[in-house]
C-alpha cells in the first residue's frame, strides 16, 4: 500500500511526539515509506475521536503499521501521541 505524502507526514508527526530519541525506537521517513511500498504492508491513522477515516483538518492521535503474511497480521509499529493517551 503506497501512502500519500500527507499520510506519511501525519505518521511522522505522531512518531516524533510518541517516541523519545533517547531510545532510538522511532522509524525515519524512509523506513516508513519503504515499508509501505511492500504489497503486504498497510497502515491506519487514528483521529482524536478514535475515527479511522480522517478529514484533512482532523488531528491525528495515532497510527499503526502492519504486514499480512498468509492468514496472520503482524503489527510492525503503532504509536499514540502523548496528549491522546489514557483516554480509554
PDB file of N, CA and C in Angstrom:
ATOM      1  N   UNK A   1       0.850  -1.172   0.000  1.00  0.00           N
ATOM      2  CA  UNK A   1       0.000   0.000   0.000  1.00  0.00           C
ATOM      3  C   UNK A   1       0.898   1.238   0.000  1.00  0.00           C
ATOM      4  N   UNK A   2       0.830   2.003  -1.038  1.00  0.00           N
ATOM      5  CA  UNK A   2       1.614   3.233  -1.102  1.00  0.00           C
ATOM      6  C   UNK A   2       0.788   4.344  -0.463  1.00  0.00           C
ATOM      7  N   UNK A   3       1.366   4.987   0.529  1.00  0.00           N
ATOM      8  CA  UNK A   3       0.656   6.030   1.269  1.00  0.00           C
ATOM      9  C   UNK A   3       0.872   7.388   0.620  1.00  0.00           C
ATOM     10  N   UNK A   4      -0.163   8.227   0.601  1.00  0.00           N
ATOM     11  CA  UNK A   4       0.015   9.592   0.115  1.00  0.00           C
ATOM     12  C   UNK A   4       0.987  10.346   1.032  1.00  0.00           C
ATOM     13  N   UNK A   5       1.727  11.306   0.486  1.00  0.00           N
ATOM     14  CA  UNK A   5       2.679  12.068   1.307  1.00  0.00           C
ATOM     15  C   UNK A   5       2.041  12.705   2.544  1.00  0.00           C
ATOM     16  N   UNK A   6       0.794  13.157   2.443  1.00  0.00           N
ATOM     17  CA  UNK A   6       0.129  13.758   3.609  1.00  0.00           C
ATOM     18  C   UNK A   6      -0.041  12.747   4.741  1.00  0.00           C
ATOM     19  N   UNK A   7      -0.345  11.501   4.395  1.00  0.00           N
ATOM     20  CA  UNK A   7      -0.486  10.472   5.426  1.00  0.00           C
ATOM     21  C   UNK A   7       0.863  10.155   6.061  1.00  0.00           C
ATOM     22  N   UNK A   8       1.909  10.133   5.265  1.00  0.00           N
ATOM     23  CA  UNK A   8       3.243   9.894   5.827  1.00  0.00           C
ATOM     24  C   UNK A   8       3.629  11.057   6.738  1.00  0.00           C
ATOM     25  N   UNK A   9       3.270  12.283   6.360  1.00  0.00           N
ATOM     26  CA  UNK A   9       3.515  13.440   7.236  1.00  0.00           C
ATOM     27  C   UNK A   9       2.816  13.245   8.581  1.00  0.00           C
ATOM     28  N   UNK A  10       1.582  12.761   8.554  1.00  0.00           N
ATOM     29  CA  UNK A  10       0.829  12.533   9.793  1.00  0.00           C
ATOM     30  C   UNK A  10       1.482  11.440  10.641  1.00  0.00           C
ATOM     31  N   UNK A  11       1.901  10.366   9.990  1.00  0.00           N
ATOM     32  CA  UNK A  11       2.592   9.289  10.712  1.00  0.00           C
ATOM     33  C   UNK A  11       3.855   9.824  11.366  1.00  0.00           C
ATOM     34  N   UNK A  12       4.632  10.593  10.615  1.00  0.00           N
ATOM     35  CA  UNK A  12       5.892  11.109  11.147  1.00  0.00           C
ATOM     36  C   UNK A  12       5.664  12.102  12.284  1.00  0.00           C
ATOM     37  N   UNK A  13       4.612  12.888  12.199  1.00  0.00           N
ATOM     38  CA  UNK A  13       4.303  13.835  13.273  1.00  0.00           C
ATOM     39  C   UNK A  13       4.028  13.097  14.581  1.00  0.00           C
ATOM     40  N   UNK A  14       3.201  12.057  14.513  1.00  0.00           N
ATOM     41  CA  UNK A  14       2.919  11.260  15.711  1.00  0.00           C
ATOM     42  C   UNK A  14       4.190  10.554  16.171  1.00  0.00           C
ATOM     43  N   UNK A  15       4.949  10.015  15.245  1.00  0.00           N
ATOM     44  CA  UNK A  15       6.179   9.292  15.578  1.00  0.00           C
ATOM     45  C   UNK A  15       7.135  10.181  16.379  1.00  0.00           C
ATOM     46  N   UNK A  16       7.307  11.410  15.932  1.00  0.00           N
ATOM     47  CA  UNK A  16       8.225  12.333  16.607  1.00  0.00           C
ATOM     48  C   UNK A  16       7.755  12.675  18.014  1.00  0.00           C
ATOM     49  N   UNK A  17       6.449  12.711  18.220  1.00  0.00           N
ATOM     50  CA  UNK A  17       5.908  13.014  19.546  1.00  0.00           C
ATOM     51  C   UNK A  17       5.926  11.798  20.465  1.00  0.00           C
ATOM     52  N   UNK A  18       5.687  10.633  19.901  1.00  0.00           N
ATOM     53  CA  UNK A  18       5.445   9.433  20.702  1.00  0.00           C
ATOM     54  C   UNK A  18       6.706   8.716  21.179  1.00  0.00           C
ATOM     55  N   UNK A  19       7.779   8.815  20.425  1.00  0.00           N
ATOM     56  CA  UNK A  19       8.988   8.065  20.759  1.00  0.00           C
ATOM     57  C   UNK A  19      10.114   9.005  21.162  1.00  0.00           C
ATOM     58  N   UNK A  20      10.714   8.736  22.294  1.00  0.00           N
ATOM     59  CA  UNK A  20      11.845   9.532  22.757  1.00  0.00           C
ATOM     60  C   UNK A  20      13.080   9.191  21.925  1.00  0.00           C
ATOM     61  N   UNK A  21      13.797  10.201  21.432  1.00  0.00           N
ATOM     62  CA  UNK A  21      15.015   9.925  20.658  1.00  0.00           C
ATOM     63  C   UNK A  21      16.069   9.183  21.482  1.00  0.00           C
ATOM     64  N   UNK A  22      15.930   9.267  22.782  1.00  0.00           N
ATOM     65  CA  UNK A  22      16.863   8.618  23.691  1.00  0.00           C
ATOM     66  C   UNK A  22      16.955   7.108  23.452  1.00  0.00           C
ATOM     67  N   UNK A  23      15.850   6.496  23.029  1.00  0.00           N
ATOM     68  CA  UNK A  23      15.816   5.043  22.868  1.00  0.00           C
ATOM     69  C   UNK A  23      15.948   4.572  21.425  1.00  0.00           C
ATOM     70  N   UNK A  24      15.824   5.463  20.471  1.00  0.00           N
ATOM     71  CA  UNK A  24      16.006   5.103  19.063  1.00  0.00           C
ATOM     72  C   UNK A  24      14.952   4.163  18.505  1.00  0.00           C
ATOM     73  N   UNK A  25      13.732   4.210  19.040  1.00  0.00           N
ATOM     74  CA  UNK A  25      12.675   3.300  18.587  1.00  0.00           C
ATOM     75  C   UNK A  25      11.917   3.809  17.367  1.00  0.00           C
ATOM     76  N   UNK A  26      11.897   5.098  17.172  1.00  0.00           N
ATOM     77  CA  UNK A  26      11.131   5.678  16.060  1.00  0.00           C
ATOM     78  C   UNK A  26      11.766   5.311  14.725  1.00  0.00           C
ATOM     79  N   UNK A  27      10.916   5.144  13.732  1.00  0.00           N
ATOM     80  CA  UNK A  27      11.392   4.930  12.374  1.00  0.00           C
ATOM     81  C   UNK A  27      11.578   6.290  11.719  1.00  0.00           C
ATOM     82  N   UNK A  28      12.454   6.343  10.730  1.00  0.00           N
ATOM     83  CA  UNK A  28      12.581   7.581   9.961  1.00  0.00           C
ATOM     84  C   UNK A  28      11.633   7.526   8.757  1.00  0.00           C
ATOM     85  N   UNK A  29      11.509   8.646   8.077  1.00  0.00           N
ATOM     86  CA  UNK A  29      10.563   8.745   6.960  1.00  0.00           C
ATOM     87  C   UNK A  29      10.845   7.703   5.878  1.00  0.00           C
ATOM     88  N   UNK A  30      12.093   7.467   5.603  1.00  0.00           N
ATOM     89  CA  UNK A  30      12.456   6.486   4.570  1.00  0.00           C
ATOM     90  C   UNK A  30      12.011   5.080   4.971  1.00  0.00           C
ATOM     91  N   UNK A  31      12.211   4.723   6.227  1.00  0.00           N
ATOM     92  CA  UNK A  31      11.794   3.396   6.689  1.00  0.00           C
ATOM     93  C   UNK A  31      10.280   3.216   6.552  1.00  0.00           C
ATOM     94  N   UNK A  32       9.535   4.258   6.915  1.00  0.00           N
ATOM     95  CA  UNK A  32       8.075   4.195   6.792  1.00  0.00           C
ATOM     96  C   UNK A  32       7.680   4.057   5.326  1.00  0.00           C
ATOM     97  N   UNK A  33       8.230   4.916   4.477  1.00  0.00           N
ATOM     98  CA  UNK A  33       7.899   4.885   3.043  1.00  0.00           C
ATOM     99  C   UNK A  33       8.256   3.547   2.419  1.00  0.00           C
ATOM    100  N   UNK A  34       9.443   3.047   2.724  1.00  0.00           N
ATOM    101  CA  UNK A  34       9.883   1.770   2.159  1.00  0.00           C
ATOM    102  C   UNK A  34       8.988   0.616   2.607  1.00  0.00           C
ATOM    103  N   UNK A  35       8.595   0.615   3.869  1.00  0.00           N
ATOM    104  CA  UNK A  35       7.732  -0.460   4.368  1.00  0.00           C
ATOM    105  C   UNK A  35       6.384  -0.445   3.659  1.00  0.00           C
ATOM    106  N   UNK A  36       5.865   0.746   3.399  1.00  0.00           N
ATOM    107  CA  UNK A  36       4.534   0.846   2.802  1.00  0.00           C
ATOM    108  C   UNK A  36       4.522   0.578   1.305  1.00  0.00           C
ATOM    109  N   UNK A  37       5.683   0.472   0.688  1.00  0.00           N
ATOM    110  CA  UNK A  37       5.756   0.104  -0.729  1.00  0.00           C
ATOM    111  C   UNK A  37       5.531  -1.400  -0.889  1.00  0.00           C
ATOM    112  N   UNK A  38       5.894  -2.154   0.136  1.00  0.00           N
ATOM    113  CA  UNK A  38       5.724  -3.602   0.106  1.00  0.00           C
ATOM    114  C   UNK A  38       4.225  -3.904   0.091  1.00  0.00           C
ATOM    115  N   UNK A  39       3.801  -4.731  -0.829  1.00  0.00           N
ATOM    116  CA  UNK A  39       2.380  -5.008  -1.016  1.00  0.00           C
ATOM    117  C   UNK A  39       1.669  -5.587   0.184  1.00  0.00           C
ATOM    118  N   UNK A  40       2.384  -6.252   1.066  1.00  0.00           N
ATOM    119  CA  UNK A  40       1.734  -6.883   2.211  1.00  0.00           C
ATOM    120  C   UNK A  40       1.610  -5.957   3.418  1.00  0.00           C
ATOM    121  N   UNK A  41       2.164  -4.749   3.330  1.00  0.00           N
ATOM    122  CA  UNK A  41       2.112  -3.805   4.449  1.00  0.00           C
ATOM    123  C   UNK A  41       0.948  -2.840   4.295  1.00  0.00           C
ATOM    124  N   UNK A  42       0.375  -2.470   5.431  1.00  0.00           N
ATOM    125  CA  UNK A  42      -0.704  -1.489   5.423  1.00  0.00           C
ATOM    126  C   UNK A  42      -0.578  -0.609   6.659  1.00  0.00           C
ATOM    127  N   UNK A  43      -1.364   0.442   6.686  1.00  0.00           N
ATOM    128  CA  UNK A  43      -1.332   1.369   7.815  1.00  0.00           C
ATOM    129  C   UNK A  43      -2.732   1.900   8.073  1.00  0.00           C
ATOM    130  N   UNK A  44      -2.888   2.495   9.228  1.00  0.00           N
ATOM    131  CA  UNK A  44      -4.137   3.162   9.567  1.00  0.00           C
ATOM    132  C   UNK A  44      -3.832   4.374  10.412  1.00  0.00           C
ATOM    133  N   UNK A  45      -4.585   5.430  10.204  1.00  0.00           N
ATOM    134  CA  UNK A  45      -4.475   6.641  11.005  1.00  0.00           C
ATOM    135  C   UNK A  45      -5.648   6.678  11.971  1.00  0.00           C
ATOM    136  N   UNK A  46      -5.415   7.190  13.156  1.00  0.00           N
ATOM    137  CA  UNK A  46      -6.444   7.241  14.178  1.00  0.00           C
ATOM    138  C   UNK A  46      -6.647   8.695  14.583  1.00  0.00           C
ATOM    139  N   UNK A  47      -7.884   9.141  14.527  1.00  0.00           N
ATOM    140  CA  UNK A  47      -8.210  10.511  14.897  1.00  0.00           C
ATOM    141  C   UNK A  47      -8.368  10.678  16.397  1.00  0.00           C
ATOM    142  N   UNK A  48      -8.449  11.916  16.833  1.00  0.00           N
ATOM    143  CA  UNK A  48      -8.600  12.225  18.256  1.00  0.00           C
ATOM    144  C   UNK A  48      -9.868  11.616  18.843  1.00  0.00           C
ATOM    145  N   UNK A  49     -10.888  11.418  18.012  1.00  0.00           N
ATOM    146  CA  UNK A  49     -12.146  10.826  18.473  1.00  0.00           C
ATOM    147  C   UNK A  49     -12.188   9.312  18.268  1.00  0.00           C
ATOM    148  N   UNK A  50     -11.071   8.731  17.848  1.00  0.00           N
ATOM    149  CA  UNK A  50     -10.996   7.291  17.617  1.00  0.00           C
ATOM    150  C   UNK A  50     -11.358   6.866  16.214  1.00  0.00           C
ATOM    151  N   UNK A  51     -11.755   7.817  15.378  1.00  0.00           N
ATOM    152  CA  UNK A  51     -12.148   7.502  13.999  1.00  0.00           C
ATOM    153  C   UNK A  51     -10.938   7.088  13.175  1.00  0.00           C
ATOM    154  N   UNK A  52     -11.178   6.171  12.237  1.00  0.00           N
ATOM    155  CA  UNK A  52     -10.109   5.748  11.335  1.00  0.00           C
ATOM    156  C   UNK A  52     -10.106   6.536  10.036  1.00  0.00           C
ATOM    157  N   UNK A  53     -11.227   7.118   9.669  1.00  0.00           N
ATOM    158  CA  UNK A  53     -11.304   7.926   8.452  1.00  0.00           C
ATOM    159  C   UNK A  53     -11.166   9.392   8.850  1.00  0.00           C
ATOM    160  N   UNK A  54     -10.033   9.989   8.552  1.00  0.00           N
ATOM    161  CA  UNK A  54      -9.763  11.354   8.991  1.00  0.00           C
ATOM    162  C   UNK A  54      -9.984  12.358   7.871  1.00  0.00           C
ATOM    163  N   UNK A  55     -10.537  13.487   8.236  1.00  0.00           N
ATOM    164  CA  UNK A  55     -10.609  14.590   7.278  1.00  0.00           C
ATOM    165  C   UNK A  55      -9.241  15.262   7.249  1.00  0.00           C
ATOM    166  N   UNK A  56      -9.031  16.111   6.283  1.00  0.00           N
ATOM    167  CA  UNK A  56      -7.740  16.797   6.175  1.00  0.00           C
ATOM    168  C   UNK A  56      -7.466  17.679   7.381  1.00  0.00           C
ATOM    169  N   UNK A  57      -8.515  18.203   8.016  1.00  0.00           N
ATOM    170  CA  UNK A  57      -8.354  19.114   9.141  1.00  0.00           C
ATOM    171  C   UNK A  57      -8.215  18.395  10.485  1.00  0.00           C
ATOM    172  N   UNK A  58      -8.575  17.130  10.536  1.00  0.00           N
ATOM    173  CA  UNK A  58      -8.602  16.398  11.807  1.00  0.00           C
ATOM    174  C   UNK A  58      -7.198  16.163  12.354  1.00  0.00           C
ATOM    175  N   UNK A  59      -7.094  16.232  13.682  1.00  0.00           N
ATOM    176  CA  UNK A  59      -5.834  15.894  14.339  1.00  0.00           C
ATOM    177  C   UNK A  59      -5.619  14.390  14.254  1.00  0.00           C
ATOM    178  N   UNK A  60      -4.368  13.998  14.113  1.00  0.00           N
ATOM    179  CA  UNK A  60      -4.017  12.581  14.111  1.00  0.00           C
ATOM    180  C   UNK A  60      -3.531  12.222  15.502  1.00  0.00           C
ATOM    181  N   UNK A  61      -4.251  11.342  16.164  1.00  0.00           N
ATOM    182  CA  UNK A  61      -3.887  10.928  17.514  1.00  0.00           C
ATOM    183  C   UNK A  61      -2.900   9.769  17.497  1.00  0.00           C
ATOM    184  N   UNK A  62      -2.950   8.953  16.444  1.00  0.00           N
ATOM    185  CA  UNK A  62      -2.076   7.796  16.395  1.00  0.00           C
ATOM    186  C   UNK A  62      -2.105   7.114  15.043  1.00  0.00           C
ATOM    187  N   UNK A  63      -1.361   6.030  14.949  1.00  0.00           N
ATOM    188  CA  UNK A  63      -1.295   5.251  13.716  1.00  0.00           C
ATOM    189  C   UNK A  63      -0.869   3.835  14.045  1.00  0.00           C
ATOM    190  N   UNK A  64      -1.074   2.952  13.082  1.00  0.00           N
ATOM    191  CA  UNK A  64      -0.494   1.613  13.162  1.00  0.00           C
ATOM    192  C   UNK A  64       0.054   1.251  11.791  1.00  0.00           C
ATOM    193  N   UNK A  65       1.019   0.366  11.780  1.00  0.00           N
ATOM    194  CA  UNK A  65       1.545  -0.228  10.549  1.00  0.00           C
ATOM    195  C   UNK A  65       1.617  -1.726  10.789  1.00  0.00           C
ATOM    196  N   UNK A  66       1.173  -2.485   9.798  1.00  0.00           N
ATOM    197  CA  UNK A  66       1.185  -3.939   9.936  1.00  0.00           C
ATOM    198  C   UNK A  66       1.529  -4.590   8.604  1.00  0.00           C
ATOM    199  N   UNK A  67       1.775  -5.890   8.687  1.00  0.00           N
ATOM    200  CA  UNK A  67       2.124  -6.663   7.493  1.00  0.00           C
ATOM    201  C   UNK A  67       1.341  -7.966   7.534  1.00  0.00           C
ATOM    202  N   UNK A  68       0.683  -8.274   6.441  1.00  0.00           N
ATOM    203  CA  UNK A  68      -0.070  -9.514   6.345  1.00  0.00           C
ATOM    204  C   UNK A  68       0.775 -10.610   5.730  1.00  0.00           C
ATOM    205  N   UNK A  69       0.793 -11.758   6.396  1.00  0.00           N
ATOM    206  CA  UNK A  69       1.529 -12.921   5.904  1.00  0.00           C
ATOM    207  C   UNK A  69       0.595 -14.123   6.027  1.00  0.00           C
ATOM    208  N   UNK A  70       0.229 -14.696   4.890  1.00  0.00           N
ATOM    209  CA  UNK A  70      -0.730 -15.800   4.851  1.00  0.00           C
ATOM    210  C   UNK A  70      -2.000 -15.408   5.596  1.00  0.00           C
ATOM    211  N   UNK A  71      -2.329 -16.121   6.667  1.00  0.00           N
ATOM    212  CA  UNK A  71      -3.560 -15.816   7.401  1.00  0.00           C
ATOM    213  C   UNK A  71      -3.290 -15.070   8.708  1.00  0.00           C
ATOM    214  N   UNK A  72      -2.128 -14.436   8.801  1.00  0.00           N
ATOM    215  CA  UNK A  72      -1.760 -13.699  10.009  1.00  0.00           C
ATOM    216  C   UNK A  72      -1.455 -12.247   9.678  1.00  0.00           C
ATOM    217  N   UNK A  73      -1.617 -11.406  10.668  1.00  0.00           N
ATOM    218  CA  UNK A  73      -1.272  -9.990  10.545  1.00  0.00           C
ATOM    219  C   UNK A  73      -0.238  -9.681  11.622  1.00  0.00           C
ATOM    220  N   UNK A  74       0.911  -9.167  11.227  1.00  0.00           N
ATOM    221  CA  UNK A  74       1.976  -8.822  12.163  1.00  0.00           C
ATOM    222  C   UNK A  74       1.969  -7.313  12.387  1.00  0.00           C
ATOM    223  N   UNK A  75       1.845  -6.909  13.628  1.00  0.00           N
ATOM    224  CA  UNK A  75       1.892  -5.494  13.967  1.00  0.00           C
ATOM    225  C   UNK A  75       3.350  -5.050  13.954  1.00  0.00           C
ATOM    226  N   UNK A  76       3.684  -4.146  13.059  1.00  0.00           N
ATOM    227  CA  UNK A  76       5.058  -3.673  12.934  1.00  0.00           C
ATOM    228  C   UNK A  76       5.344  -2.521  13.888  1.00  0.00           C
ATOM    229  N   UNK A  77       4.395  -1.605  13.973  1.00  0.00           N
ATOM    230  CA  UNK A  77       4.625  -0.401  14.762  1.00  0.00           C
ATOM    231  C   UNK A  77       3.290   0.278  15.020  1.00  0.00           C
ATOM    232  N   UNK A  78       3.120   0.799  16.193  1.00  0.00           N
ATOM    233  CA  UNK A  78       1.962   1.655  16.461  1.00  0.00           C
ATOM    234  C   UNK A  78       2.376   2.711  17.468  1.00  0.00           C
ATOM    235  N   UNK A  79       1.693   3.826  17.435  1.00  0.00           N
ATOM    236  CA  UNK A  79       2.013   4.913  18.355  1.00  0.00           C
ATOM    237  C   UNK A  79       0.786   5.784  18.562  1.00  0.00           C
ATOM    238  N   UNK A  80       0.694   6.330  19.755  1.00  0.00           N
ATOM    239  CA  UNK A  80      -0.330   7.306  20.112  1.00  0.00           C
ATOM    240  C   UNK A  80       0.410   8.531  20.635  1.00  0.00           C
ATOM    241  N   UNK A  81       0.045   9.706  20.128  1.00  0.00           N
ATOM    242  CA  UNK A  81       0.661  10.947  20.600  1.00  0.00           C
ATOM    243  C   UNK A  81       0.368  11.111  22.093  1.00  0.00           C
ATOM    244  N   UNK A  82       1.334  11.602  22.859  1.00  0.00           N
ATOM    245  CA  UNK A  82       1.175  11.683  24.322  1.00  0.00           C
ATOM    246  C   UNK A  82      -0.101  12.378  24.793  1.00  0.00           C
ATOM    247  N   UNK A  83      -0.526  13.425  24.116  1.00  0.00           N
ATOM    248  CA  UNK A  83      -1.705  14.167  24.574  1.00  0.00           C
ATOM    249  C   UNK A  83      -3.009  13.384  24.398  1.00  0.00           C
ATOM    250  N   UNK A  84      -2.976  12.259  23.676  1.00  0.00           N
ATOM    251  CA  UNK A  84      -4.178  11.448  23.462  1.00  0.00           C
ATOM    252  C   UNK A  84      -4.151  10.129  24.229  1.00  0.00           C
ATOM    253  N   UNK A  85      -3.149   9.915  25.030  1.00  0.00           N
ATOM    254  CA  UNK A  85      -3.044   8.674  25.799  1.00  0.00           C
ATOM    255  C   UNK A  85      -3.951   8.711  27.025  1.00  0.00           C
ATOM    256  N   UNK A  86      -4.233   7.522  27.548  1.00  0.00           N
ATOM    257  CA  UNK A  86      -5.012   7.341  28.781  1.00  0.00           C
ATOM    258  C   UNK A  86      -6.420   7.930  28.685  1.00  0.00           C
ATOM    259  N   UNK A  87      -7.032   7.720  27.532  1.00  0.00           N
ATOM    260  CA  UNK A  87      -8.407   8.199  27.343  1.00  0.00           C
ATOM    261  C   UNK A  87      -9.397   7.049  27.192  1.00  0.00           C
ATOM    262  N   UNK A  88      -8.938   5.848  27.459  1.00  0.00           N
ATOM    263  CA  UNK A  88      -9.855   4.712  27.405  1.00  0.00           C
ATOM    264  C   UNK A  88      -9.741   3.862  26.205  1.00  0.00           C
TER     265      UNK A  88
END
